[in-house]
Amino acid sequence: MLIFILCMIPGSDLPKISWLENFGFDKFIHAGLFFVLALLLVHGFLKQEKIRSAKIITLIICFVYGGLLELLQGALFVERTADVYDFIANSLGSVLGLLLFNAVNEKILSKFIR
């Protein structure tokens, strides 16, 4: 829900920090949000013993959700545009979250989320 709300914010309401734009900072934000989404989704799915392909299901959900958000930004949201590079950043963040899940789960998630 948080990701959806952040994507709905009109472009004029987003802070403008020109030097960060040179580094593609918004792509890091996209990747970071989907990194956390993937970690939490796979953690939740693994807690449910009936879910077998937790990582594959998580990846599909993240890819579809990231794609739908970009389409909605292009079609419905005010002062927002669909950007294939945002979708790529979303996807890379999701994949990275799954690749690093075991390490993050062992050190962080398993201690705070039961």
PDB file of N, CA and C in Angstrom:
ATOM      1  N   MET A   1       0.823  -1.187   0.000  1.00  0.00           N
ATOM      2  CA  MET A   1       0.000   0.000   0.000  1.00  0.00           C
ATOM      3  C   MET A   1       0.874   1.260   0.000  1.00  0.00           C
ATOM      4  N   LEU A   2       1.953   1.215   0.778  1.00  0.00           N
ATOM      5  CA  LEU A   2       2.854   2.371   0.833  1.00  0.00           C
ATOM      6  C   LEU A   2       3.441   2.673  -0.547  1.00  0.00           C
ATOM      7  N   ILE A   3       3.846   1.646  -1.259  1.00  0.00           N
ATOM      8  CA  ILE A   3       4.410   1.848  -2.592  1.00  0.00           C
ATOM      9  C   ILE A   3       3.365   2.472  -3.517  1.00  0.00           C
ATOM     10  N   PHE A   4       2.138   2.000  -3.436  1.00  0.00           N
ATOM     11  CA  PHE A   4       1.063   2.537  -4.264  1.00  0.00           C
ATOM     12  C   PHE A   4       0.845   4.016  -3.956  1.00  0.00           C
ATOM     13  N   ILE A   5       0.787   4.361  -2.691  1.00  0.00           N
ATOM     14  CA  ILE A   5       0.568   5.758  -2.289  1.00  0.00           C
ATOM     15  C   ILE A   5       1.713   6.638  -2.782  1.00  0.00           C
ATOM     16  N   LEU A   6       2.941   6.168  -2.631  1.00  0.00           N
ATOM     17  CA  LEU A   6       4.087   6.957  -3.093  1.00  0.00           C
ATOM     18  C   LEU A   6       4.049   7.164  -4.607  1.00  0.00           C
ATOM     19  N   CYS A   7       3.579   6.178  -5.330  1.00  0.00           N
ATOM     20  CA  CYS A   7       3.497   6.300  -6.788  1.00  0.00           C
ATOM     21  C   CYS A   7       2.359   7.212  -7.233  1.00  0.00           C
ATOM     22  N   MET A   8       1.385   7.438  -6.368  1.00  0.00           N
ATOM     23  CA  MET A   8       0.253   8.306  -6.697  1.00  0.00           C
ATOM     24  C   MET A   8       0.565   9.784  -6.481  1.00  0.00           C
ATOM     25  N   ILE A   9       1.604  10.095  -5.726  1.00  0.00           N
ATOM     26  CA  ILE A   9       1.910  11.489  -5.421  1.00  0.00           C
ATOM     27  C   ILE A   9       2.209  12.233  -6.723  1.00  0.00           C
ATOM     28  N   PRO A  10       1.534  13.374  -6.947  1.00  0.00           N
ATOM     29  CA  PRO A  10       1.804  14.145  -8.166  1.00  0.00           C
ATOM     30  C   PRO A  10       3.268  14.559  -8.244  1.00  0.00           C
ATOM     31  N   GLY A  11       3.789  14.599  -9.458  1.00  0.00           N
ATOM     32  CA  GLY A  11       5.187  14.939  -9.657  1.00  0.00           C
ATOM     33  C   GLY A  11       5.579  16.277  -9.068  1.00  0.00           C
ATOM     34  N   SER A  12       4.661  17.249  -9.103  1.00  0.00           N
ATOM     35  CA  SER A  12       4.979  18.579  -8.573  1.00  0.00           C
ATOM     36  C   SER A  12       5.115  18.576  -7.052  1.00  0.00           C
ATOM     37  N   ASP A  13       4.570  17.568  -6.376  1.00  0.00           N
ATOM     38  CA  ASP A  13       4.663  17.482  -4.922  1.00  0.00           C
ATOM     39  C   ASP A  13       5.910  16.746  -4.447  1.00  0.00           C
ATOM     40  N   LEU A  14       6.656  16.172  -5.372  1.00  0.00           N
ATOM     41  CA  LEU A  14       7.876  15.464  -5.008  1.00  0.00           C
ATOM     42  C   LEU A  14       9.016  16.463  -4.854  1.00  0.00           C
ATOM     43  N   PRO A  15       9.900  16.236  -3.875  1.00  0.00           N
ATOM     44  CA  PRO A  15      11.016  17.171  -3.698  1.00  0.00           C
ATOM     45  C   PRO A  15      11.957  17.150  -4.902  1.00  0.00           C
ATOM     46  N   LYS A  16      12.447  18.328  -5.246  1.00  0.00           N
ATOM     47  CA  LYS A  16      13.385  18.460  -6.369  1.00  0.00           C
ATOM     48  C   LYS A  16      14.781  18.708  -5.814  1.00  0.00           C
ATOM     49  N   ILE A  17      15.639  17.728  -5.971  1.00  0.00           N
ATOM     50  CA  ILE A  17      17.032  17.866  -5.563  1.00  0.00           C
ATOM     51  C   ILE A  17      17.854  17.530  -6.802  1.00  0.00           C
ATOM     52  N   SER A  18      18.258  18.565  -7.521  1.00  0.00           N
ATOM     53  CA  SER A  18      18.812  18.380  -8.861  1.00  0.00           C
ATOM     54  C   SER A  18      20.063  17.504  -8.886  1.00  0.00           C
ATOM     55  N   TRP A  19      20.935  17.619  -7.911  1.00  0.00           N
ATOM     56  CA  TRP A  19      22.176  16.839  -7.975  1.00  0.00           C
ATOM     57  C   TRP A  19      21.913  15.348  -7.784  1.00  0.00           C
ATOM     58  N   LEU A  20      20.830  15.001  -7.064  1.00  0.00           N
ATOM     59  CA  LEU A  20      20.482  13.589  -6.905  1.00  0.00           C
ATOM     60  C   LEU A  20      19.951  12.997  -8.199  1.00  0.00           C
ATOM     61  N   GLU A  21      19.294  13.831  -8.999  1.00  0.00           N
ATOM     62  CA  GLU A  21      18.753  13.360 -10.269  1.00  0.00           C
ATOM     63  C   GLU A  21      19.864  12.911 -11.210  1.00  0.00           C
ATOM     64  N   ASN A  22      21.046  13.489 -11.072  1.00  0.00           N
ATOM     65  CA  ASN A  22      22.186  13.098 -11.908  1.00  0.00           C
ATOM     66  C   ASN A  22      22.623  11.663 -11.636  1.00  0.00           C
ATOM     67  N   PHE A  23      22.334  11.164 -10.451  1.00  0.00           N
ATOM     68  CA  PHE A  23      22.711   9.803 -10.088  1.00  0.00           C
ATOM     69  C   PHE A  23      21.572   8.812 -10.259  1.00  0.00           C
ATOM     70  N   GLY A  24      20.454   9.267 -10.805  1.00  0.00           N
ATOM     71  CA  GLY A  24      19.306   8.383 -10.961  1.00  0.00           C
ATOM     72  C   GLY A  24      18.764   7.935  -9.606  1.00  0.00           C
ATOM     73  N   PHE A  25      18.737   8.864  -8.664  1.00  0.00           N
ATOM     74  CA  PHE A  25      18.363   8.538  -7.285  1.00  0.00           C
ATOM     75  C   PHE A  25      16.994   7.880  -7.196  1.00  0.00           C
ATOM     76  N   ASP A  26      16.052   8.310  -8.037  1.00  0.00           N
ATOM     77  CA  ASP A  26      14.710   7.720  -7.966  1.00  0.00           C
ATOM     78  C   ASP A  26      14.733   6.234  -8.307  1.00  0.00           C
ATOM     79  N   LYS A  27      15.687   5.815  -9.121  1.00  0.00           N
ATOM     80  CA  LYS A  27      15.796   4.385  -9.443  1.00  0.00           C
ATOM     81  C   LYS A  27      16.223   3.589  -8.215  1.00  0.00           C
ATOM     82  N   PHE A  28      17.097   4.184  -7.392  1.00  0.00           N
ATOM     83  CA  PHE A  28      17.492   3.520  -6.145  1.00  0.00           C
ATOM     84  C   PHE A  28      16.316   3.417  -5.181  1.00  0.00           C
ATOM     85  N   ILE A  29      15.461   4.444  -5.197  1.00  0.00           N
ATOM     86  CA  ILE A  29      14.255   4.418  -4.357  1.00  0.00           C
ATOM     87  C   ILE A  29      13.348   3.278  -4.819  1.00  0.00           C
ATOM     88  N   HIS A  30      13.117   3.193  -6.129  1.00  0.00           N
ATOM     89  CA  HIS A  30      12.285   2.112  -6.675  1.00  0.00           C
ATOM     90  C   HIS A  30      12.857   0.749  -6.295  1.00  0.00           C
ATOM     91  N   ALA A  31      14.147   0.567  -6.527  1.00  0.00           N
ATOM     92  CA  ALA A  31      14.786  -0.717  -6.224  1.00  0.00           C
ATOM     93  C   ALA A  31      14.701  -1.019  -4.726  1.00  0.00           C
ATOM     94  N   GLY A  32      14.909  -0.019  -3.896  1.00  0.00           N
ATOM     95  CA  GLY A  32      14.857  -0.227  -2.449  1.00  0.00           C
ATOM     96  C   GLY A  32      13.477  -0.617  -1.961  1.00  0.00           C
ATOM     97  N   LEU A  33      12.452   0.048  -2.488  1.00  0.00           N
ATOM     98  CA  LEU A  33      11.077  -0.289  -2.093  1.00  0.00           C
ATOM     99  C   LEU A  33      10.730  -1.725  -2.475  1.00  0.00           C
ATOM    100  N   PHE A  34      11.100  -2.127  -3.681  1.00  0.00           N
ATOM    101  CA  PHE A  34      10.781  -3.483  -4.129  1.00  0.00           C
ATOM    102  C   PHE A  34      11.698  -4.528  -3.496  1.00  0.00           C
ATOM    103  N   PHE A  35      12.883  -4.131  -3.087  1.00  0.00           N
ATOM    104  CA  PHE A  35      13.767  -5.003  -2.318  1.00  0.00           C
ATOM    105  C   PHE A  35      13.076  -5.388  -1.007  1.00  0.00           C
ATOM    106  N   VAL A  36      12.566  -4.373  -0.304  1.00  0.00           N
ATOM    107  CA  VAL A  36      11.876  -4.620   0.968  1.00  0.00           C
ATOM    108  C   VAL A  36      10.586  -5.399   0.737  1.00  0.00           C
ATOM    109  N   LEU A  37       9.837  -5.047  -0.305  1.00  0.00           N
ATOM    110  CA  LEU A  37       8.605  -5.776  -0.612  1.00  0.00           C
ATOM    111  C   LEU A  37       8.891  -7.255  -0.839  1.00  0.00           C
ATOM    112  N   ALA A  38       9.921  -7.559  -1.620  1.00  0.00           N
ATOM    113  CA  ALA A  38      10.260  -8.960  -1.893  1.00  0.00           C
ATOM    114  C   ALA A  38      10.673  -9.684  -0.620  1.00  0.00           C
ATOM    115  N   LEU A  39      11.480  -9.034   0.209  1.00  0.00           N
ATOM    116  CA  LEU A  39      11.898  -9.659   1.473  1.00  0.00           C
ATOM    117  C   LEU A  39      10.693 -10.002   2.344  1.00  0.00           C
ATOM    118  N   LEU A  40       9.797  -9.048   2.494  1.00  0.00           N
ATOM    119  CA  LEU A  40       8.642  -9.269   3.368  1.00  0.00           C
ATOM    120  C   LEU A  40       7.675 -10.296   2.792  1.00  0.00           C
ATOM    121  N   LEU A  41       7.467 -10.253   1.484  1.00  0.00           N
ATOM    122  CA  LEU A  41       6.568 -11.229   0.856  1.00  0.00           C
ATOM    123  C   LEU A  41       7.100 -12.653   1.006  1.00  0.00           C
ATOM    124  N   VAL A  42       8.356 -12.865   0.668  1.00  0.00           N
ATOM    125  CA  VAL A  42       8.893 -14.222   0.741  1.00  0.00           C
ATOM    126  C   VAL A  42       8.957 -14.690   2.196  1.00  0.00           C
ATOM    127  N   HIS A  43       9.259 -13.787   3.107  1.00  0.00           N
ATOM    128  CA  HIS A  43       9.262 -14.151   4.530  1.00  0.00           C
ATOM    129  C   HIS A  43       7.866 -14.614   4.956  1.00  0.00           C
ATOM    130  N   GLY A  44       6.848 -13.870   4.556  1.00  0.00           N
ATOM    131  CA  GLY A  44       5.473 -14.236   4.887  1.00  0.00           C
ATOM    132  C   GLY A  44       5.040 -15.544   4.252  1.00  0.00           C
ATOM    133  N   PHE A  45       5.411 -15.729   2.994  1.00  0.00           N
ATOM    134  CA  PHE A  45       5.048 -16.970   2.314  1.00  0.00           C
ATOM    135  C   PHE A  45       5.728 -18.179   2.945  1.00  0.00           C
ATOM    136  N   LEU A  46       6.981 -18.021   3.349  1.00  0.00           N
ATOM    137  CA  LEU A  46       7.692 -19.137   3.961  1.00  0.00           C
ATOM    138  C   LEU A  46       7.139 -19.481   5.343  1.00  0.00           C
ATOM    139  N   LYS A  47       6.531 -18.512   6.003  1.00  0.00           N
ATOM    140  CA  LYS A  47       5.900 -18.779   7.297  1.00  0.00           C
ATOM    141  C   LYS A  47       4.655 -19.661   7.132  1.00  0.00           C
ATOM    142  N   GLN A  48       4.067 -19.616   5.947  1.00  0.00           N
ATOM    143  CA  GLN A  48       2.904 -20.444   5.654  1.00  0.00           C
ATOM    144  C   GLN A  48       3.408 -21.748   5.041  1.00  0.00           C
ATOM    145  N   GLU A  49       3.284 -22.792   5.741  1.00  0.00           N
ATOM    146  CA  GLU A  49       3.873 -24.058   5.314  1.00  0.00           C
ATOM    147  C   GLU A  49       3.255 -24.627   4.043  1.00  0.00           C
ATOM    148  N   LYS A  50       2.075 -24.179   3.667  1.00  0.00           N
ATOM    149  CA  LYS A  50       1.413 -24.706   2.472  1.00  0.00           C
ATOM    150  C   LYS A  50       1.962 -24.104   1.182  1.00  0.00           C
ATOM    151  N   ILE A  51       2.668 -22.988   1.270  1.00  0.00           N
ATOM    152  CA  ILE A  51       3.217 -22.321   0.096  1.00  0.00           C
ATOM    153  C   ILE A  51       4.545 -22.971  -0.260  1.00  0.00           C
ATOM    154  N   ARG A  52       4.637 -23.540  -1.444  1.00  0.00           N
ATOM    155  CA  ARG A  52       5.855 -24.257  -1.828  1.00  0.00           C
ATOM    156  C   ARG A  52       6.842 -23.377  -2.576  1.00  0.00           C
ATOM    157  N   SER A  53       6.401 -22.705  -3.566  1.00  0.00           N
ATOM    158  CA  SER A  53       7.297 -21.925  -4.421  1.00  0.00           C
ATOM    159  C   SER A  53       7.284 -20.463  -4.002  1.00  0.00           C
ATOM    160  N   ALA A  54       7.674 -20.199  -2.768  1.00  0.00           N
ATOM    161  CA  ALA A  54       7.567 -18.852  -2.201  1.00  0.00           C
ATOM    162  C   ALA A  54       8.360 -17.821  -3.008  1.00  0.00           C
ATOM    163  N   LYS A  55       9.554 -18.162  -3.417  1.00  0.00           N
ATOM    164  CA  LYS A  55      10.381 -17.191  -4.138  1.00  0.00           C
ATOM    165  C   LYS A  55       9.851 -16.924  -5.539  1.00  0.00           C
ATOM    166  N   ILE A  56       9.357 -17.945  -6.204  1.00  0.00           N
ATOM    167  CA  ILE A  56       8.803 -17.750  -7.547  1.00  0.00           C
ATOM    168  C   ILE A  56       7.524 -16.928  -7.473  1.00  0.00           C
ATOM    169  N   ILE A  57       6.658 -17.246  -6.524  1.00  0.00           N
ATOM    170  CA  ILE A  57       5.416 -16.489  -6.348  1.00  0.00           C
ATOM    171  C   ILE A  57       5.730 -15.033  -6.013  1.00  0.00           C
ATOM    172  N   THR A  58       6.700 -14.820  -5.138  1.00  0.00           N
ATOM    173  CA  THR A  58       7.102 -13.460  -4.776  1.00  0.00           C
ATOM    174  C   THR A  58       7.602 -12.703  -5.994  1.00  0.00           C
ATOM    175  N   LEU A  59       8.421 -13.329  -6.796  1.00  0.00           N
ATOM    176  CA  LEU A  59       8.957 -12.678  -7.981  1.00  0.00           C
ATOM    177  C   LEU A  59       7.843 -12.307  -8.956  1.00  0.00           C
ATOM    178  N   ILE A  60       6.913 -13.203  -9.164  1.00  0.00           N
ATOM    179  CA  ILE A  60       5.788 -12.921 -10.064  1.00  0.00           C
ATOM    180  C   ILE A  60       4.965 -11.758  -9.538  1.00  0.00           C
ATOM    181  N   ILE A  61       4.648 -11.770  -8.254  1.00  0.00           N
ATOM    182  CA  ILE A  61       3.858 -10.684  -7.661  1.00  0.00           C
ATOM    183  C   ILE A  61       4.585  -9.351  -7.809  1.00  0.00           C
ATOM    184  N   CYS A  62       5.874  -9.329  -7.503  1.00  0.00           N
ATOM    185  CA  CYS A  62       6.637  -8.083  -7.591  1.00  0.00           C
ATOM    186  C   CYS A  62       6.720  -7.567  -9.025  1.00  0.00           C
ATOM    187  N   PHE A  63       6.959  -8.452  -9.993  1.00  0.00           N
ATOM    188  CA  PHE A  63       7.036  -8.036 -11.394  1.00  0.00           C
ATOM    189  C   PHE A  63       5.693  -7.488 -11.875  1.00  0.00           C
ATOM    190  N   VAL A  64       4.629  -8.198 -11.574  1.00  0.00           N
ATOM    191  CA  VAL A  64       3.300  -7.761 -12.013  1.00  0.00           C
ATOM    192  C   VAL A  64       2.919  -6.449 -11.341  1.00  0.00           C
ATOM    193  N   TYR A  65       3.138  -6.355 -10.034  1.00  0.00           N
ATOM    194  CA  TYR A  65       2.797  -5.138  -9.298  1.00  0.00           C
ATOM    195  C   TYR A  65       3.612  -3.949  -9.810  1.00  0.00           C
ATOM    196  N   GLY A  66       4.913  -4.146 -10.028  1.00  0.00           N
ATOM    197  CA  GLY A  66       5.753  -3.073 -10.556  1.00  0.00           C
ATOM    198  C   GLY A  66       5.307  -2.627 -11.938  1.00  0.00           C
ATOM    199  N   GLY A  67       4.942  -3.583 -12.782  1.00  0.00           N
ATOM    200  CA  GLY A  67       4.453  -3.253 -14.119  1.00  0.00           C
ATOM    201  C   GLY A  67       3.122  -2.525 -14.089  1.00  0.00           C
ATOM    202  N   LEU A  68       2.213  -3.008 -13.258  1.00  0.00           N
ATOM    203  CA  LEU A  68       0.909  -2.341 -13.150  1.00  0.00           C
ATOM    204  C   LEU A  68       1.041  -0.920 -12.620  1.00  0.00           C
ATOM    205  N   LEU A  69       1.906  -0.713 -11.656  1.00  0.00           N
ATOM    206  CA  LEU A  69       2.114   0.634 -11.133  1.00  0.00           C
ATOM    207  C   LEU A  69       2.623   1.579 -12.211  1.00  0.00           C
ATOM    208  N   GLU A  70       3.539   1.112 -13.024  1.00  0.00           N
ATOM    209  CA  GLU A  70       4.059   1.954 -14.102  1.00  0.00           C
ATOM    210  C   GLU A  70       2.963   2.267 -15.125  1.00  0.00           C
ATOM    211  N   LEU A  71       2.142   1.276 -15.451  1.00  0.00           N
ATOM    212  CA  LEU A  71       1.033   1.528 -16.376  1.00  0.00           C
ATOM    213  C   LEU A  71       0.041   2.529 -15.791  1.00  0.00           C
ATOM    214  N   LEU A  72      -0.261   2.389 -14.505  1.00  0.00           N
ATOM    215  CA  LEU A  72      -1.169   3.331 -13.846  1.00  0.00           C
ATOM    216  C   LEU A  72      -0.582   4.738 -13.811  1.00  0.00           C
ATOM    217  N   GLN A  73       0.721   4.832 -13.583  1.00  0.00           N
ATOM    218  CA  GLN A  73       1.353   6.151 -13.581  1.00  0.00           C
ATOM    219  C   GLN A  73       1.225   6.807 -14.949  1.00  0.00           C
ATOM    220  N   GLY A  74       1.323   6.032 -15.982  1.00  0.00           N
ATOM    221  CA  GLY A  74       1.201   6.582 -17.324  1.00  0.00           C
ATOM    222  C   GLY A  74      -0.227   6.923 -17.713  1.00  0.00           C
ATOM    223  N   ALA A  75      -1.193   6.212 -17.148  1.00  0.00           N
ATOM    224  CA  ALA A  75      -2.583   6.383 -17.579  1.00  0.00           C
ATOM    225  C   ALA A  75      -3.435   7.230 -16.629  1.00  0.00           C
ATOM    226  N   LEU A  76      -3.225   7.100 -15.323  1.00  0.00           N
ATOM    227  CA  LEU A  76      -4.163   7.705 -14.381  1.00  0.00           C
ATOM    228  C   LEU A  76      -3.591   8.772 -13.446  1.00  0.00           C
ATOM    229  N   PHE A  77      -2.377   8.597 -13.017  1.00  0.00           N
ATOM    230  CA  PHE A  77      -1.855   9.465 -11.967  1.00  0.00           C
ATOM    231  C   PHE A  77      -1.441  10.820 -12.524  1.00  0.00           C
ATOM    232  N   VAL A  78      -1.693  11.871 -11.739  1.00  0.00           N
ATOM    233  CA  VAL A  78      -1.437  13.247 -12.150  1.00  0.00           C
ATOM    234  C   VAL A  78       0.068  13.521 -12.148  1.00  0.00           C
ATOM    235  N   GLU A  79       0.530  14.145 -13.230  1.00  0.00           N
ATOM    236  CA  GLU A  79       1.928  14.547 -13.376  1.00  0.00           C
ATOM    237  C   GLU A  79       2.912  13.394 -13.178  1.00  0.00           C
ATOM    238  N   ARG A  80       2.524  12.207 -13.538  1.00  0.00           N
ATOM    239  CA  ARG A  80       3.402  11.035 -13.472  1.00  0.00           C
ATOM    240  C   ARG A  80       3.428  10.391 -14.849  1.00  0.00           C
ATOM    241  N   THR A  81       4.510   9.745 -15.169  1.00  0.00           N
ATOM    242  CA  THR A  81       4.629   9.066 -16.457  1.00  0.00           C
ATOM    243  C   THR A  81       5.115   7.642 -16.238  1.00  0.00           C
ATOM    244  N   ALA A  82       4.754   6.785 -17.152  1.00  0.00           N
ATOM    245  CA  ALA A  82       5.257   5.409 -17.127  1.00  0.00           C
ATOM    246  C   ALA A  82       6.705   5.443 -17.585  1.00  0.00           C
ATOM    247  N   ASP A  83       7.548   4.691 -16.901  1.00  0.00           N
ATOM    248  CA  ASP A  83       8.968   4.685 -17.226  1.00  0.00           C
ATOM    249  C   ASP A  83       9.482   3.250 -17.176  1.00  0.00           C
ATOM    250  N   VAL A  84       9.956   2.764 -18.298  1.00  0.00           N
ATOM    251  CA  VAL A  84      10.452   1.388 -18.360  1.00  0.00           C
ATOM    252  C   VAL A  84      11.651   1.210 -17.430  1.00  0.00           C
ATOM    253  N   TYR A  85      12.444   2.260 -17.218  1.00  0.00           N
ATOM    254  CA  TYR A  85      13.594   2.160 -16.317  1.00  0.00           C
ATOM    255  C   TYR A  85      13.162   2.029 -14.855  1.00  0.00           C
ATOM    256  N   ASP A  86      12.029   2.613 -14.511  1.00  0.00           N
ATOM    257  CA  ASP A  86      11.479   2.407 -13.166  1.00  0.00           C
ATOM    258  C   ASP A  86      11.062   0.949 -12.999  1.00  0.00           C
ATOM    259  N   PHE A  87      10.439   0.390 -14.036  1.00  0.00           N
ATOM    260  CA  PHE A  87      10.056  -1.023 -13.984  1.00  0.00           C
ATOM    261  C   PHE A  87      11.289  -1.915 -13.834  1.00  0.00           C
ATOM    262  N   ILE A  88      12.340  -1.581 -14.557  1.00  0.00           N
ATOM    263  CA  ILE A  88      13.582  -2.358 -14.447  1.00  0.00           C
ATOM    264  C   ILE A  88      14.150  -2.236 -13.041  1.00  0.00           C
ATOM    265  N   ALA A  89      14.129  -1.039 -12.476  1.00  0.00           N
ATOM    266  CA  ALA A  89      14.618  -0.844 -11.106  1.00  0.00           C
ATOM    267  C   ALA A  89      13.766  -1.631 -10.112  1.00  0.00           C
ATOM    268  N   ASN A  90      12.454  -1.617 -10.298  1.00  0.00           N
ATOM    269  CA  ASN A  90      11.559  -2.407  -9.443  1.00  0.00           C
ATOM    270  C   ASN A  90      11.935  -3.889  -9.517  1.00  0.00           C
ATOM    271  N   SER A  91      12.134  -4.367 -10.725  1.00  0.00           N
ATOM    272  CA  SER A  91      12.444  -5.774 -10.938  1.00  0.00           C
ATOM    273  C   SER A  91      13.805  -6.146 -10.350  1.00  0.00           C
ATOM    274  N   LEU A  92      14.798  -5.286 -10.546  1.00  0.00           N
ATOM    275  CA  LEU A  92      16.121  -5.556  -9.989  1.00  0.00           C
ATOM    276  C   LEU A  92      16.101  -5.562  -8.464  1.00  0.00           C
ATOM    277  N   GLY A  93      15.342  -4.637  -7.876  1.00  0.00           N
ATOM    278  CA  GLY A  93      15.204  -4.623  -6.422  1.00  0.00           C
ATOM    279  C   GLY A  93      14.560  -5.898  -5.911  1.00  0.00           C
ATOM    280  N   SER A  94      13.570  -6.387  -6.622  1.00  0.00           N
ATOM    281  CA  SER A  94      12.890  -7.627  -6.240  1.00  0.00           C
ATOM    282  C   SER A  94      13.838  -8.814  -6.321  1.00  0.00           C
ATOM    283  N   VAL A  95      14.569  -8.913  -7.410  1.00  0.00           N
ATOM    284  CA  VAL A  95      15.512 -10.013  -7.593  1.00  0.00           C
ATOM    285  C   VAL A  95      16.606  -9.951  -6.527  1.00  0.00           C
ATOM    286  N   LEU A  96      17.114  -8.767  -6.272  1.00  0.00           N
ATOM    287  CA  LEU A  96      18.151  -8.613  -5.254  1.00  0.00           C
ATOM    288  C   LEU A  96      17.613  -9.003  -3.874  1.00  0.00           C
ATOM    289  N   GLY A  97      16.377  -8.631  -3.592  1.00  0.00           N
ATOM    290  CA  GLY A  97      15.760  -9.028  -2.328  1.00  0.00           C
ATOM    291  C   GLY A  97      15.688 -10.531  -2.173  1.00  0.00           C
ATOM    292  N   LEU A  98      15.358 -11.225  -3.251  1.00  0.00           N
ATOM    293  CA  LEU A  98      15.291 -12.680  -3.188  1.00  0.00           C
ATOM    294  C   LEU A  98      16.678 -13.311  -3.083  1.00  0.00           C
ATOM    295  N   LEU A  99      17.641 -12.733  -3.792  1.00  0.00           N
ATOM    296  CA  LEU A  99      19.001 -13.275  -3.738  1.00  0.00           C
ATOM    297  C   LEU A  99      19.627 -13.107  -2.348  1.00  0.00           C
ATOM    298  N   LEU A 100      19.297 -12.009  -1.693  1.00  0.00           N
ATOM    299  CA  LEU A 100      19.876 -11.733  -0.377  1.00  0.00           C
ATOM    300  C   LEU A 100      18.965 -12.138   0.777  1.00  0.00           C
ATOM    301  N   PHE A 101      17.855 -12.788   0.453  1.00  0.00           N
ATOM    302  CA  PHE A 101      16.874 -13.123   1.486  1.00  0.00           C
ATOM    303  C   PHE A 101      17.458 -13.935   2.623  1.00  0.00           C
ATOM    304  N   ASN A 102      18.193 -14.984   2.311  1.00  0.00           N
ATOM    305  CA  ASN A 102      18.700 -15.859   3.373  1.00  0.00           C
ATOM    306  C   ASN A 102      19.568 -15.089   4.367  1.00  0.00           C
ATOM    307  N   ALA A 103      20.460 -14.243   3.868  1.00  0.00           N
ATOM    308  CA  ALA A 103      21.341 -13.472   4.751  1.00  0.00           C
ATOM    309  C   ALA A 103      20.547 -12.464   5.571  1.00  0.00           C
ATOM    310  N   VAL A 104      19.633 -11.753   4.916  1.00  0.00           N
ATOM    311  CA  VAL A 104      18.839 -10.740   5.620  1.00  0.00           C
ATOM    312  C   VAL A 104      17.894 -11.402   6.608  1.00  0.00           C
ATOM    313  N   ASN A 105      17.297 -12.514   6.237  1.00  0.00           N
ATOM    314  CA  ASN A 105      16.368 -13.207   7.117  1.00  0.00           C
ATOM    315  C   ASN A 105      17.080 -13.691   8.378  1.00  0.00           C
ATOM    316  N   GLU A 106      18.262 -14.240   8.184  1.00  0.00           N
ATOM    317  CA  GLU A 106      19.012 -14.780   9.309  1.00  0.00           C
ATOM    318  C   GLU A 106      19.437 -13.684  10.288  1.00  0.00           C
ATOM    319  N   LYS A 107      19.853 -12.534   9.756  1.00  0.00           N
ATOM    320  CA  LYS A 107      20.398 -11.474  10.608  1.00  0.00           C
ATOM    321  C   LYS A 107      19.351 -10.482  11.101  1.00  0.00           C
ATOM    322  N   ILE A 108      18.281 -10.261  10.343  1.00  0.00           N
ATOM    323  CA  ILE A 108      17.346  -9.198  10.701  1.00  0.00           C
ATOM    324  C   ILE A 108      15.913  -9.699  10.864  1.00  0.00           C
ATOM    325  N   LEU A 109      15.351 -10.216   9.778  1.00  0.00           N
ATOM    326  CA  LEU A 109      13.929 -10.534   9.778  1.00  0.00           C
ATOM    327  C   LEU A 109      13.547 -11.551  10.852  1.00  0.00           C
ATOM    328  N   SER A 110      14.320 -12.595  10.994  1.00  0.00           N
ATOM    329  CA  SER A 110      13.960 -13.658  11.944  1.00  0.00           C
ATOM    330  C   SER A 110      13.999 -13.158  13.388  1.00  0.00           C
ATOM    331  N   LYS A 111      14.711 -12.080  13.652  1.00  0.00           N
ATOM    332  CA  LYS A 111      14.797 -11.539  15.006  1.00  0.00           C
ATOM    333  C   LYS A 111      13.660 -10.576  15.318  1.00  0.00           C
ATOM    334  N   PHE A 112      13.138  -9.891  14.296  1.00  0.00           N
ATOM    335  CA  PHE A 112      12.132  -8.875  14.516  1.00  0.00           C
ATOM    336  C   PHE A 112      10.731  -9.287  14.094  1.00  0.00           C
ATOM    337  N   ILE A 113      10.625 -10.166  13.115  1.00  0.00           N
ATOM    338  CA  ILE A 113       9.328 -10.592  12.604  1.00  0.00           C
ATOM    339  C   ILE A 113       9.168 -12.087  12.885  1.00  0.00           C
ATOM    340  N   ARG A 114       8.202 -12.422  13.650  1.00  0.00           N
ATOM    341  CA  ARG A 114       8.001 -13.835  13.999  1.00  0.00           C
ATOM    342  C   ARG A 114       6.795 -14.399  13.311  1.00  0.00           C
TER     343      ARG A 114
END
